[in-house]
């Protein structure tokens, strides 16, 4: 895998902070795609969606851990419930507007 450049040290010490989350994590820069990637035991775990390494990368890695899955699912369910409430409110307002215009 000549296109992968291992990153052991970086400005914000992201590579080390990833090791604190999971000792198997290794940080690479993929020269083909230009993105950063996190591997564990030689397998791609996370393709970092950010152009630069910063705290967001550490937060992303921490939030995707299996032990945090229940929190992630709860956040998704909360967001979906909020979207449903917003859609229902918009539909009610539209119906009320049409009713008022009909009178």
C-alpha atoms as a PDB file:
ATOM      1  CA  UNK A   1       0.000   0.000   0.000  1.00  0.00           C
ATOM      2  CA  UNK A   2       2.455   2.568  -1.261  1.00  0.00           C
ATOM      3  CA  UNK A   3      -0.270   5.185  -1.487  1.00  0.00           C
ATOM      4  CA  UNK A   4      -0.733   5.263   2.293  1.00  0.00           C
ATOM      5  CA  UNK A   5       1.541   7.558   4.280  1.00  0.00           C
ATOM      6  CA  UNK A   6       1.522   6.762   8.000  1.00  0.00           C
ATOM      7  CA  UNK A   7       1.215   9.765  10.278  1.00  0.00           C
ATOM      8  CA  UNK A   8       2.885   9.319  13.647  1.00  0.00           C
ATOM      9  CA  UNK A   9       3.215  12.967  14.592  1.00  0.00           C
ATOM     10  CA  UNK A  10       1.144  15.980  13.662  1.00  0.00           C
ATOM     11  CA  UNK A  11       0.570  19.533  14.843  1.00  0.00           C
ATOM     12  CA  UNK A  12      -2.347  18.741  17.151  1.00  0.00           C
ATOM     13  CA  UNK A  13      -1.115  15.273  18.157  1.00  0.00           C
ATOM     14  CA  UNK A  14      -4.180  13.683  16.565  1.00  0.00           C
ATOM     15  CA  UNK A  15      -2.398  10.378  15.871  1.00  0.00           C
ATOM     16  CA  UNK A  16      -1.578  10.003  19.570  1.00  0.00           C
ATOM     17  CA  UNK A  17      -5.060  11.045  20.667  1.00  0.00           C
ATOM     18  CA  UNK A  18      -6.561   8.413  18.369  1.00  0.00           C
ATOM     19  CA  UNK A  19      -4.406   5.783  20.087  1.00  0.00           C
ATOM     20  CA  UNK A  20      -5.983   6.845  23.389  1.00  0.00           C
ATOM     21  CA  UNK A  21      -9.421   6.049  21.950  1.00  0.00           C
ATOM     22  CA  UNK A  22      -8.312   2.685  20.569  1.00  0.00           C
ATOM     23  CA  UNK A  23      -4.761   1.434  20.779  1.00  0.00           C
ATOM     24  CA  UNK A  24      -5.166  -0.282  17.403  1.00  0.00           C
ATOM     25  CA  UNK A  25      -5.915   2.943  15.542  1.00  0.00           C
ATOM     26  CA  UNK A  26      -3.315   4.119  13.053  1.00  0.00           C
ATOM     27  CA  UNK A  27      -3.622   7.338  11.093  1.00  0.00           C
ATOM     28  CA  UNK A  28      -2.718   7.529   7.409  1.00  0.00           C
ATOM     29  CA  UNK A  29      -2.900  10.025   4.584  1.00  0.00           C
ATOM     30  CA  UNK A  30      -4.152   8.362   1.405  1.00  0.00           C
ATOM     31  CA  UNK A  31      -2.100   9.892  -1.409  1.00  0.00           C
ATOM     32  CA  UNK A  32      -4.533   8.662  -4.080  1.00  0.00           C
ATOM     33  CA  UNK A  33      -7.650  10.217  -2.602  1.00  0.00           C
ATOM     34  CA  UNK A  34      -5.957  12.962  -0.599  1.00  0.00           C
ATOM     35  CA  UNK A  35      -7.953  12.110   2.498  1.00  0.00           C
ATOM     36  CA  UNK A  36      -6.978  10.999   5.979  1.00  0.00           C
ATOM     37  CA  UNK A  37      -7.928   7.466   6.993  1.00  0.00           C
ATOM     38  CA  UNK A  38      -7.960   5.593  10.277  1.00  0.00           C
ATOM     39  CA  UNK A  39      -7.043   1.915  10.229  1.00  0.00           C
ATOM     40  CA  UNK A  40      -7.149  -0.807  12.869  1.00  0.00           C
ATOM     41  CA  UNK A  41      -5.376  -4.125  12.334  1.00  0.00           C
ATOM     42  CA  UNK A  42      -4.783  -3.147   8.704  1.00  0.00           C
ATOM     43  CA  UNK A  43      -8.468  -2.575   7.939  1.00  0.00           C
ATOM     44  CA  UNK A  44      -9.985   0.792   7.130  1.00  0.00           C
ATOM     45  CA  UNK A  45     -12.206   1.937   9.978  1.00  0.00           C
ATOM     46  CA  UNK A  46     -12.932   5.592   9.207  1.00  0.00           C
ATOM     47  CA  UNK A  47     -12.425   7.779   6.157  1.00  0.00           C
ATOM     48  CA  UNK A  48     -12.014  11.222   7.729  1.00  0.00           C
ATOM     49  CA  UNK A  49     -14.327  13.706   5.977  1.00  0.00           C
ATOM     50  CA  UNK A  50     -12.211  16.733   6.912  1.00  0.00           C
ATOM     51  CA  UNK A  51      -9.385  18.246   4.857  1.00  0.00           C
ATOM     52  CA  UNK A  52      -7.299  19.003   7.948  1.00  0.00           C
ATOM     53  CA  UNK A  53      -6.529  17.093  11.106  1.00  0.00           C
ATOM     54  CA  UNK A  54      -8.065  18.701  14.167  1.00  0.00           C
ATOM     55  CA  UNK A  55     -10.259  17.923  17.173  1.00  0.00           C
ATOM     56  CA  UNK A  56     -13.170  16.987  14.885  1.00  0.00           C
ATOM     57  CA  UNK A  57     -11.226  13.899  13.791  1.00  0.00           C
ATOM     58  CA  UNK A  58     -10.823  12.762  17.402  1.00  0.00           C
ATOM     59  CA  UNK A  59     -14.499  13.477  18.138  1.00  0.00           C
ATOM     60  CA  UNK A  60     -15.542  11.499  15.053  1.00  0.00           C
ATOM     61  CA  UNK A  61     -13.408   8.514  16.049  1.00  0.00           C
ATOM     62  CA  UNK A  62     -14.726   8.585  19.617  1.00  0.00           C
ATOM     63  CA  UNK A  63     -18.356   8.914  18.522  1.00  0.00           C
ATOM     64  CA  UNK A  64     -18.169   5.912  16.194  1.00  0.00           C
ATOM     65  CA  UNK A  65     -16.933   3.488  18.836  1.00  0.00           C
ATOM     66  CA  UNK A  66     -19.270   0.547  19.484  1.00  0.00           C
ATOM     67  CA  UNK A  67     -19.717   1.461  23.144  1.00  0.00           C
ATOM     68  CA  UNK A  68     -21.152   4.828  22.046  1.00  0.00           C
ATOM     69  CA  UNK A  69     -23.572   3.314  19.536  1.00  0.00           C
ATOM     70  CA  UNK A  70     -26.535   3.691  21.895  1.00  0.00           C
ATOM     71  CA  UNK A  71     -25.807   7.420  22.274  1.00  0.00           C
ATOM     72  CA  UNK A  72     -25.488   7.824  18.527  1.00  0.00           C
ATOM     73  CA  UNK A  73     -28.764   5.970  17.931  1.00  0.00           C
ATOM     74  CA  UNK A  74     -30.504   8.071  20.583  1.00  0.00           C
ATOM     75  CA  UNK A  75     -29.256  11.256  18.906  1.00  0.00           C
ATOM     76  CA  UNK A  76     -30.505  10.021  15.527  1.00  0.00           C
ATOM     77  CA  UNK A  77     -33.898   9.153  17.013  1.00  0.00           C
ATOM     78  CA  UNK A  78     -34.115  12.589  18.685  1.00  0.00           C
ATOM     79  CA  UNK A  79     -33.235  14.315  15.417  1.00  0.00           C
ATOM     80  CA  UNK A  80     -35.821  12.259  13.533  1.00  0.00           C
ATOM     81  CA  UNK A  81     -38.484  13.075  16.136  1.00  0.00           C
ATOM     82  CA  UNK A  82     -37.655  16.779  15.858  1.00  0.00           C
ATOM     83  CA  UNK A  83     -37.903  16.597  12.057  1.00  0.00           C
ATOM     84  CA  UNK A  84     -41.297  14.853  12.333  1.00  0.00           C
ATOM     85  CA  UNK A  85     -42.563  17.508  14.760  1.00  0.00           C
ATOM     86  CA  UNK A  86     -41.342  20.290  12.485  1.00  0.00           C
ATOM     87  CA  UNK A  87     -43.019  18.690   9.455  1.00  0.00           C
ATOM     88  CA  UNK A  88     -46.272  18.209  11.361  1.00  0.00           C
ATOM     89  CA  UNK A  89     -46.192  21.816  12.569  1.00  0.00           C
ATOM     90  CA  UNK A  90     -45.570  23.073   9.025  1.00  0.00           C
ATOM     91  CA  UNK A  91     -48.454  20.941   7.729  1.00  0.00           C
ATOM     92  CA  UNK A  92     -50.807  22.265  10.449  1.00  0.00           C
ATOM     93  CA  UNK A  93     -49.806  25.853   9.676  1.00  0.00           C
ATOM     94  CA  UNK A  94     -50.407  25.285   5.964  1.00  0.00           C
ATOM     95  CA  UNK A  95     -53.845  23.812   6.659  1.00  0.00           C
ATOM     96  CA  UNK A  96     -54.734  26.719   8.957  1.00  0.00           C
ATOM     97  CA  UNK A  97     -53.578  29.214   6.334  1.00  0.00           C
ATOM     98  CA  UNK A  98     -55.723  27.543   3.673  1.00  0.00           C
ATOM     99  CA  UNK A  99     -58.707  27.460   6.044  1.00  0.00           C
ATOM    100  CA  UNK A 100     -58.315  31.171   6.838  1.00  0.00           C
ATOM    101  CA  UNK A 101     -58.044  32.045   3.144  1.00  0.00           C
ATOM    102  CA  UNK A 102     -61.174  30.010   2.396  1.00  0.00           C
ATOM    103  CA  UNK A 103     -63.221  32.032   4.881  1.00  0.00           C
END
